[in-house]
Structures are given as C-alpha cells and as structure tokens.
Amino acid sequence: MQLLRKTALALVAGAAVASAQGALAETVKVTMTAMEKEVTIDNKGTKYPAWTFDGAMPGKFVRVHEGDTVDFTLINPPENKNSHAMDFHAAQVDVLNEFAPVKPGETKHFIFKAKVPGLFMYHCGASPMVQHIARGMYGAILVEPKGGYSKAYPKPDREYILVQSQYFPDADDYKAMLENKGWAGSLINGKILHYDPVHDPNASQVLEAKPGERVRIYFVNANINMPVALHPIAGIWDRVYINGNPRNTLYGIQTYNVAVAEADTFDLVSPDDRATNNAIVDHTMGAALRGAITVLMNKPDADPGKGRGSQLVLP
C-alpha cells in the first residue's frame, strides 16, 4: 500500500508539473512583410537593391520558448515584383504547404509549435532560393529551453546577435551566386565591417561589455556557400552550444566551424581584472578581410544598454 501511495503521489506531482509547463506555453504572433527596397551595405553608405523582411537585413530577431506556438503571417505587398516565402528552420511542417511561395498581393499564414530548443536560421525559400537569401531575406529565431537558465546554461550578462552573409554586387546574377562567383564582401548584420572601427574608420559601433561579464553571441551563418570558422581573437570560447541547444555543449573552444545555414550560440568571458578587447572573426581570411570582423570592447564604463533589451542587434 505504501508503494502504491508513493506511486500515486508521484503521478499526481508529475501531472501537476506537466500542467504547469503547459500553462506557461504561449502563442507568439509574428508578422513580417516582404519588402524589396534599397539598403545600406557598408559604413560609407553604399546602396544595394535588397529583398528583405520588414525592410532590414537580417530580419527581426524572433524569441520564443520551447513549447510555444508560433502564429506566423507573411505579407507580400502588391508593389513587389517577386514571390517570397518563409522557411523557419525551427518548424516541423510541410515544405509544400507552410513554406510555399506567396505571390505579390497575397499573404501566407501558418502555425507551428517550437518543440526543439536552440538557435535557428529562417530565410525566404522562394525560387531561386540562392538569390532570395543573398539579397537579404534571412534572420534568426531563438527557442529558449523550457527549463530556463541553469548551471549548464548560465544566464548571460549581455547578449548579441551576429548574422554573417555574403555580398554579391550583381544582385541579379543568381547563376554566379550558385557558383560562388563575384562575391565581394562579408556582411555582419547587413554591413561590411559593421562593428570594426579598427579596419574601417567609418564604423561607429562596437559590441561592449564590462570585464569578466559573460557575453553570449547568437551567431547565424547565412552565407550562400561558405562555412564560417568563428574565432574570438585574444579569447577562447568558454562554451559553445551547438545549434544553440544547452544539451549540446562544448567547453574551451578556440575556433568552431559553423556550417552554411547553421546557427550556434557562443559564450565569451573576458578577464575580470583589466580592460581588454576581442575581435570576433571568421578565421577564413578571405571572409575576415572582406568584412567579417566584429570588435568587442570589455571596459569598466561599457554602455549599460548594449547587449540588453532592444540592443541585441546594434544599428
């Protein structure tokens, strides 16, 4: 009887926990508009005829929790010339249904449950896909683990999103994009040397943190053809969460290879007894020197807003 009683109590407790977790799940509404417009792709103001989500490259950062339902709507305005689509790598749906292209003047609505925690890329899947991604239709969705922060997945002091992509000046030549011909720059959050005043005096922003803080980098490789050898110069990745999932953790990593269309999470902890600087680079030199260098300054007077709230993606 005692065993039966304990078993019954355990079942009741388990059901209560499951019910509480279910109650915490939310429906997150996300709406994006496909916009074919010019954007600036470097710090001196060079314009590029991009295809975007909501007018920016990358598109907005989507943040949900494991178990949440994402209620998504894509709007393709009638003034656009091309069909567009949405492919969430975090979704388990039907590629011929939910991810189908949307003609100008139409909308697409679908829902999916975010079942797997981690960091995922999203992008336009309309044909030719290589051109839609290269012209700017990409972004990141973070599915935070149901259990929240833990010893295995500590809460960061600051968070930044970095999305790397290739710049092809001839935006119409998708055949060259397929062959990786004609790319002239590496974009970080849409710009060449976006956060690197060391190599580009026109750069006005850097990432900032205080000495000793845990800085979490959400990194997406939105390149068309090239993996990224992500390395923090003058530092070592304290932890690398493969696919952004805390269950897939590596420790003490100098360089981690991020495949095309992969997204991984990186923790960097600077020395706490002095001010230092890091350069987060694609150690593939052809990519780094074409724009894939990001400066992180660790200093006592770090801007308290950077890496927090609305400043996870710096302008």
Protein backbone atom coordinates (compact mmCIF):
# COMPACT_ATOMS: atom_id res chain seq x y z
CA MET A 1 0.00 0.00 0.00
CA GLN A 2 2.83 2.37 0.89
CA LEU A 3 4.43 1.77 -2.51
CA LEU A 4 1.12 2.32 -4.29
CA ARG A 5 0.60 5.56 -2.36
CA LYS A 6 4.06 6.85 -3.28
CA THR A 7 3.50 5.93 -6.89
CA ALA A 8 0.15 7.74 -6.95
CA LEU A 9 1.67 10.85 -5.38
CA ALA A 10 4.48 10.81 -7.92
CA LEU A 11 1.98 10.57 -10.78
CA VAL A 12 -0.06 13.45 -9.38
CA ALA A 13 3.07 15.58 -8.95
CA GLY A 14 4.22 14.77 -12.47
CA ALA A 15 0.83 15.68 -13.87
CA ALA A 16 0.89 18.97 -11.95
CA VAL A 17 4.32 19.83 -13.35
CA ALA A 18 3.23 18.93 -16.88
CA SER A 19 0.09 21.02 -16.45
CA ALA A 20 2.10 23.98 -15.16
CA GLN A 21 4.53 23.73 -18.07
CA GLY A 22 1.64 23.56 -20.49
CA ALA A 23 0.08 26.62 -18.89
CA LEU A 24 3.32 28.53 -19.36
CA ALA A 25 3.35 27.87 -23.10
CA GLU A 26 2.21 30.83 -25.15
CA THR A 27 1.08 31.64 -28.66
CA VAL A 28 3.50 34.16 -30.14
CA LYS A 29 2.21 36.11 -33.11
CA VAL A 30 4.84 37.09 -35.66
CA THR A 31 4.08 39.12 -38.77
CA MET A 32 6.63 40.02 -41.42
CA THR A 33 6.31 41.99 -44.63
CA ALA A 34 8.44 41.18 -47.67
CA MET A 35 9.97 44.46 -48.81
CA GLU A 36 12.01 44.93 -51.98
CA LYS A 37 14.00 48.07 -51.22
CA GLU A 38 17.46 49.58 -51.18
CA VAL A 39 19.53 49.13 -48.03
CA THR A 40 22.97 50.33 -46.95
CA ILE A 41 25.62 47.58 -47.01
CA ASP A 42 28.67 49.38 -45.59
CA ASN A 43 29.65 52.18 -43.24
CA LYS A 44 30.15 54.72 -46.03
CA GLY A 45 26.59 54.41 -47.35
CA THR A 46 26.78 52.15 -50.39
CA LYS A 47 23.27 51.19 -51.52
CA TYR A 48 22.12 47.72 -52.55
CA PRO A 49 18.80 46.57 -54.12
CA ALA A 50 17.85 44.14 -51.39
CA TRP A 51 14.90 41.85 -50.78
CA THR A 52 14.11 41.88 -47.08
CA PHE A 53 11.77 41.03 -44.27
CA ASP A 54 10.38 44.32 -42.90
CA GLY A 55 13.00 46.36 -44.73
CA ALA A 56 16.06 45.17 -42.81
CA MET A 57 18.77 42.56 -43.25
CA PRO A 58 18.81 40.48 -41.19
CA GLY A 59 15.09 40.39 -40.44
CA LYS A 60 13.75 40.80 -36.92
CA PHE A 61 15.00 38.53 -34.14
CA VAL A 62 12.26 36.14 -33.06
CA ARG A 63 12.47 34.86 -29.47
CA VAL A 64 10.14 32.18 -28.10
CA HIS A 65 10.24 29.37 -25.54
CA GLU A 66 10.23 25.64 -26.06
CA GLY A 67 6.60 24.55 -26.26
CA ASP A 68 5.31 27.90 -27.55
CA THR A 69 3.15 28.08 -30.66
CA VAL A 70 4.35 30.48 -33.33
CA ASP A 71 1.46 32.09 -35.23
CA PHE A 72 3.09 33.48 -38.36
CA THR A 73 1.87 35.71 -41.18
CA LEU A 74 3.91 36.73 -44.23
CA ILE A 75 2.64 39.70 -46.24
CA ASN A 76 3.82 40.18 -49.82
CA PRO A 77 2.64 43.67 -50.88
CA PRO A 78 1.25 44.10 -54.41
CA GLU A 79 4.01 46.55 -55.36
CA ASN A 80 6.64 43.81 -55.09
CA LYS A 81 7.79 42.13 -58.30
CA ASN A 82 8.62 38.71 -56.88
CA SER A 83 7.08 35.87 -54.93
CA HIS A 84 8.52 35.32 -51.46
CA ALA A 85 8.22 32.69 -48.74
CA MET A 86 9.25 31.81 -45.21
CA ASP A 87 11.30 28.81 -44.12
CA PHE A 88 11.71 28.60 -40.34
CA HIS A 89 14.39 26.03 -39.52
CA ALA A 90 12.74 25.72 -36.10
CA ALA A 91 9.49 24.45 -37.65
CA GLN A 92 8.47 20.86 -38.39
CA VAL A 93 5.76 21.28 -41.02
CA ASP A 94 5.13 20.62 -44.75
CA VAL A 95 7.55 22.28 -47.14
CA LEU A 96 4.92 22.23 -49.91
CA ASN A 97 2.28 23.85 -47.72
CA GLU A 98 3.53 26.20 -45.00
CA PHE A 99 6.72 27.11 -46.87
CA ALA A 100 5.05 27.62 -50.26
CA PRO A 101 5.79 30.88 -52.14
CA VAL A 102 3.49 33.87 -51.77
CA LYS A 103 2.72 35.97 -54.85
CA PRO A 104 2.68 39.78 -54.74
CA GLY A 105 -0.59 40.99 -53.25
CA GLU A 106 -1.11 37.81 -51.21
CA THR A 107 -0.42 36.66 -47.65
CA LYS A 108 0.53 33.35 -46.07
CA HIS A 109 -0.49 32.27 -42.59
CA PHE A 110 0.64 29.18 -40.71
CA ILE A 111 1.34 28.00 -37.18
CA PHE A 112 3.91 25.65 -35.72
CA LYS A 113 4.95 24.51 -32.29
CA ALA A 114 8.53 25.25 -31.25
CA LYS A 115 9.36 21.77 -30.00
CA VAL A 116 13.16 21.81 -30.07
CA PRO A 117 15.23 24.35 -28.10
CA GLY A 118 18.04 26.14 -29.84
CA LEU A 119 19.03 28.85 -32.27
CA PHE A 120 17.75 28.52 -35.82
CA MET A 121 18.04 30.36 -39.10
CA TYR A 122 14.99 31.49 -41.04
CA HIS A 123 15.01 32.59 -44.67
CA CYS A 124 12.97 33.01 -47.82
CA GLY A 125 12.52 29.73 -49.68
CA ALA A 126 11.11 31.07 -52.95
CA SER A 127 12.94 30.20 -56.14
CA PRO A 128 15.74 30.85 -56.89
CA MET A 129 16.43 30.46 -53.17
CA VAL A 130 20.11 31.36 -53.54
CA GLN A 131 19.13 34.83 -54.79
CA HIS A 132 16.47 35.48 -52.15
CA ILE A 133 18.92 34.68 -49.34
CA ALA A 134 21.83 36.53 -50.91
CA ARG A 135 19.71 39.64 -51.35
CA GLY A 136 18.85 39.77 -47.65
CA MET A 137 15.92 37.55 -46.73
CA TYR A 138 17.24 35.84 -43.61
CA GLY A 139 17.23 36.08 -39.84
CA ALA A 140 17.29 34.17 -36.54
CA ILE A 141 14.74 32.56 -34.26
CA LEU A 142 15.74 31.54 -30.73
CA VAL A 143 13.77 28.81 -28.97
CA GLU A 144 14.77 29.09 -25.32
CA PRO A 145 14.86 25.86 -23.30
CA LYS A 146 11.79 25.06 -21.23
CA GLY A 147 13.80 24.84 -18.02
CA GLY A 148 15.30 28.30 -18.46
CA TYR A 149 18.78 29.11 -17.19
CA SER A 150 20.76 26.56 -15.21
CA LYS A 151 24.28 25.59 -14.21
CA ALA A 152 24.64 24.03 -17.65
CA TYR A 153 23.19 27.11 -19.35
CA PRO A 154 24.03 30.13 -17.18
CA LYS A 155 22.30 33.45 -17.60
CA PRO A 156 24.47 35.82 -19.66
CA ASP A 157 25.29 39.37 -18.65
CA ARG A 158 24.90 40.55 -22.24
CA GLU A 159 23.60 39.10 -25.49
CA TYR A 160 24.37 40.00 -29.08
CA ILE A 161 23.10 38.68 -32.41
CA LEU A 162 25.54 38.38 -35.30
CA VAL A 163 24.39 37.14 -38.71
CA GLN A 164 27.05 36.70 -41.38
CA SER A 165 26.25 36.70 -45.09
CA GLN A 166 27.92 37.16 -48.46
CA TYR A 167 27.66 40.33 -50.53
CA PHE A 168 27.21 39.88 -54.27
CA PRO A 169 27.27 43.31 -56.01
CA ASP A 170 25.44 41.92 -59.06
CA ALA A 171 22.16 41.20 -57.32
CA ASP A 172 20.53 39.76 -60.46
CA ASP A 173 23.15 37.14 -61.36
CA TYR A 174 21.88 34.20 -59.32
CA LYS A 175 23.83 31.75 -61.51
CA ALA A 176 27.08 33.36 -60.34
CA MET A 177 25.84 33.09 -56.76
CA LEU A 178 25.38 29.34 -57.24
CA GLU A 179 29.00 29.07 -58.35
CA ASN A 180 30.20 31.43 -55.58
CA LYS A 181 31.48 33.86 -58.20
CA GLY A 182 31.54 37.61 -57.81
CA TRP A 183 31.11 37.89 -54.05
CA ALA A 184 32.90 41.00 -52.88
CA GLY A 185 32.29 41.23 -49.15
CA SER A 186 31.21 39.61 -45.92
CA LEU A 187 28.31 41.28 -44.18
CA ILE A 188 27.78 41.21 -40.43
CA ASN A 189 24.21 42.19 -39.65
CA GLY A 190 23.92 43.56 -43.15
CA LYS A 191 27.14 45.60 -43.41
CA ILE A 192 30.80 45.11 -44.28
CA LEU A 193 33.00 45.67 -41.19
CA HIS A 194 29.83 46.77 -39.41
CA TYR A 195 31.37 46.85 -35.92
CA ASP A 196 35.06 47.26 -36.72
CA PRO A 197 36.47 50.80 -36.42
CA VAL A 198 39.99 49.31 -36.44
CA HIS A 199 39.78 48.40 -40.12
CA ASP A 200 37.08 50.86 -41.15
CA PRO A 201 37.22 54.40 -39.71
CA ASN A 202 33.61 54.90 -40.82
CA ALA A 203 32.37 52.25 -38.39
CA SER A 204 30.60 53.90 -35.48
CA GLN A 205 29.61 50.92 -33.33
CA VAL A 206 31.32 48.14 -31.39
CA LEU A 207 29.98 45.49 -29.05
CA GLU A 208 30.59 46.36 -25.39
CA ALA A 209 30.72 44.57 -22.03
CA LYS A 210 32.35 45.00 -18.65
CA PRO A 211 35.45 42.98 -17.75
CA GLY A 212 34.53 39.50 -16.56
CA GLU A 213 30.98 39.56 -17.92
CA ARG A 214 29.54 36.56 -19.73
CA VAL A 215 28.75 37.70 -23.26
CA ARG A 216 26.50 35.42 -25.27
CA ILE A 217 26.75 35.59 -29.05
CA TYR A 218 23.87 34.20 -31.10
CA PHE A 219 25.54 33.52 -34.44
CA VAL A 220 23.91 32.57 -37.74
CA ASN A 221 25.79 31.61 -40.89
CA ALA A 222 23.57 32.97 -43.67
CA ASN A 223 26.29 32.61 -46.32
CA ILE A 224 25.30 31.01 -49.59
CA ASN A 225 28.21 28.62 -49.96
CA MET A 226 30.85 29.12 -47.26
CA PRO A 227 31.19 27.75 -43.72
CA VAL A 228 32.43 30.11 -41.01
CA ALA A 229 35.42 29.39 -38.75
CA LEU A 230 34.26 31.53 -35.82
CA HIS A 231 37.09 32.58 -33.51
CA PRO A 232 37.41 35.23 -30.75
CA ILE A 233 40.86 36.77 -31.22
CA ALA A 234 42.52 37.28 -27.79
CA GLY A 235 39.97 34.97 -26.20
CA ILE A 236 38.65 31.41 -26.00
CA TRP A 237 35.01 30.42 -26.26
CA ASP A 238 34.03 29.48 -22.72
CA ARG A 239 31.15 27.42 -24.09
CA VAL A 240 29.75 26.61 -27.50
CA TYR A 241 26.16 25.43 -27.62
CA ILE A 242 25.82 23.53 -30.89
CA ASN A 243 22.60 24.61 -32.62
CA GLY A 244 22.09 26.81 -29.54
CA ASN A 245 20.88 23.81 -27.55
CA PRO A 246 22.26 23.52 -23.97
CA ARG A 247 22.24 19.73 -24.34
CA ASN A 248 24.97 20.08 -26.99
CA THR A 249 27.70 21.95 -25.12
CA LEU A 250 31.42 22.16 -25.83
CA TYR A 251 33.90 23.81 -23.44
CA GLY A 252 37.10 25.79 -24.02
CA ILE A 253 36.96 26.06 -27.81
CA GLN A 254 39.33 28.23 -29.87
CA THR A 255 37.51 28.04 -33.20
CA TYR A 256 34.23 26.42 -34.15
CA ASN A 257 33.14 25.64 -37.69
CA VAL A 258 29.62 26.88 -38.39
CA ALA A 259 28.09 25.24 -41.45
CA VAL A 260 26.05 27.09 -44.04
CA ALA A 261 22.51 27.64 -42.65
CA GLU A 262 23.64 26.60 -39.16
CA ALA A 263 23.14 28.72 -36.06
CA ASP A 264 25.15 28.27 -32.86
CA THR A 265 25.44 30.06 -29.53
CA PHE A 266 28.81 31.15 -28.11
CA ASP A 267 29.74 32.34 -24.60
CA LEU A 268 32.80 34.52 -24.09
CA VAL A 269 34.05 35.56 -20.65
CA SER A 270 36.81 38.18 -20.55
CA PRO A 271 39.41 38.61 -17.77
CA ASP A 272 37.81 40.39 -14.81
CA ASP A 273 40.93 42.25 -13.63
CA ARG A 274 41.57 44.52 -16.63
CA ALA A 275 40.08 46.10 -19.70
CA THR A 276 40.54 44.03 -22.85
CA ASN A 277 39.34 43.82 -26.43
CA ASN A 278 38.36 40.90 -28.63
CA ALA A 279 37.86 40.61 -32.37
CA ILE A 280 35.23 38.05 -33.28
CA VAL A 281 36.20 36.88 -36.74
CA ASP A 282 35.62 34.34 -39.44
CA HIS A 283 39.14 32.91 -39.41
CA THR A 284 38.77 32.18 -43.11
CA MET A 285 40.94 35.14 -44.02
CA GLY A 286 39.23 35.83 -47.33
CA ALA A 287 36.00 36.39 -45.40
CA ALA A 288 37.51 38.25 -42.44
CA LEU A 289 39.36 40.79 -44.55
CA ARG A 290 36.29 41.26 -46.71
CA GLY A 291 34.26 42.33 -43.70
CA ALA A 292 33.71 39.54 -41.17
CA ILE A 293 35.40 41.16 -38.17
CA THR A 294 33.50 42.38 -35.09
CA VAL A 295 35.17 44.24 -32.21
CA LEU A 296 34.08 43.56 -28.62
CA MET A 297 35.38 46.06 -26.06
CA ASN A 298 35.46 44.90 -22.43
CA LYS A 299 35.78 48.04 -20.29
CA PRO A 300 34.54 49.31 -16.91
CA ASP A 301 32.46 52.10 -18.48
CA ALA A 302 30.68 49.86 -21.00
CA ASP A 303 27.36 51.22 -22.23
CA PRO A 304 24.79 49.65 -19.87
CA GLY A 305 22.23 49.34 -22.66
CA LYS A 306 24.30 47.46 -25.21
CA GLY A 307 23.65 43.75 -25.32
CA ARG A 308 20.40 44.12 -23.39
CA GLY A 309 16.75 44.79 -24.13
CA SER A 310 16.33 46.18 -27.63
CA GLN A 311 20.09 46.43 -28.26
CA LEU A 312 20.88 42.83 -29.11
CA VAL A 313 21.31 43.89 -32.73
CA LEU A 314 23.22 47.16 -32.93
CA PRO A 315 22.35 49.54 -35.81
